[in-house]
Amino acid sequence: MASTVLTRDDVISPAEREAFEENGFHLIRGALTPDEVKTYRDALVALLQTKESDHYDNRLMKASIPSAPPTALNPRNIWAGFDLPLFNEIFYEFAFHPKITLSVSGLIGPDVNLYETSCVAKVPGFPGNYRDWHQDTEYSDPQSNDYNVTVITYLDDMDGHSGVTGVVPGTHKLGPLPHVLPKEVYTSNAREVADKEQYEALAVYQEVKAGDTLVFLGRLVHKSAANDSDTDRLSLAYNYVRKDTFDLGEINRYVGAGTPVVRDGKLYRPF
């Protein structure tokens, strides 16, 4: 009798794995159903309503941008949040989403652990240079190998003018690049690649629908595009690592880091 257990080989083909190794990214179309999009978007909207007095408010990053004021949906202009399971257990459950985690396994290896949970929110007018070109591994280096992936699940339709992630194909092969502090007046103050101007002409901004998920290697140069639309744009951004990917330096540990999510190419569910 044929097995009904979904595995990594059911969701990622050898050709897709080869393209991922070459380009550094892979787009999963329709990773979430419309009902799932609504469930997680509603939970994220509730997170954006977190009061300043909340015990975990220090896990939320607020922006102060004259051209991008707060909205009714995002009254404190939270542009990023971390350790999401502290706010709602549904964000822990999301870390085990079958289609997403098995796709990650198909791309980086049969055994996968959770590394970090976060979200990104962009109010109308959010500038494209607020979180400019960078490599995510700048904040986790050194590690035992390069199989640390960022997984962005879009909860709204997006493109290069409404907040999608821009990527520069193949830049994961360049190794760790020099990073500097940004010089703009309104910025996240997170380090970005030096000589960042060279990457815009090489960038790919894909048009995505709510429920699509982008997986890319942490060394891939990427940025957060501007939101020139008139509505808030939301996404979840989780990081996963191969089981043998370890931090070699002193960094802060994230909630859930090291949790097994896929073993031997099959979903590992603790509930």
Foldseek 3Di string as FASTA:
>chain_A
DDDPFDFLCVQAPPVNLVQCVQFFKDKFAQLDDLVVLVVVVVLVLVVLVDDPPDPQNVQWDAFDDPQFAADPSRNRRTFKGWLVCVRPVVQVVVVQSPNVVLPLCNRQHQWKFWAIKMKGKAGARAAFAQWAWAFQCVQQPDKPDQFKKKKKAWSAWDWLQAWAKKWQTRQLVVPHADWDFDDDPGHPRDTHHPPRVVRPVRIDIDTGHHNMMMMGTRRIIMTIHHGNDNGMIMIMMTMMGGLRIGRPDDDDGGVRGNHIQGHRRGGDDPD
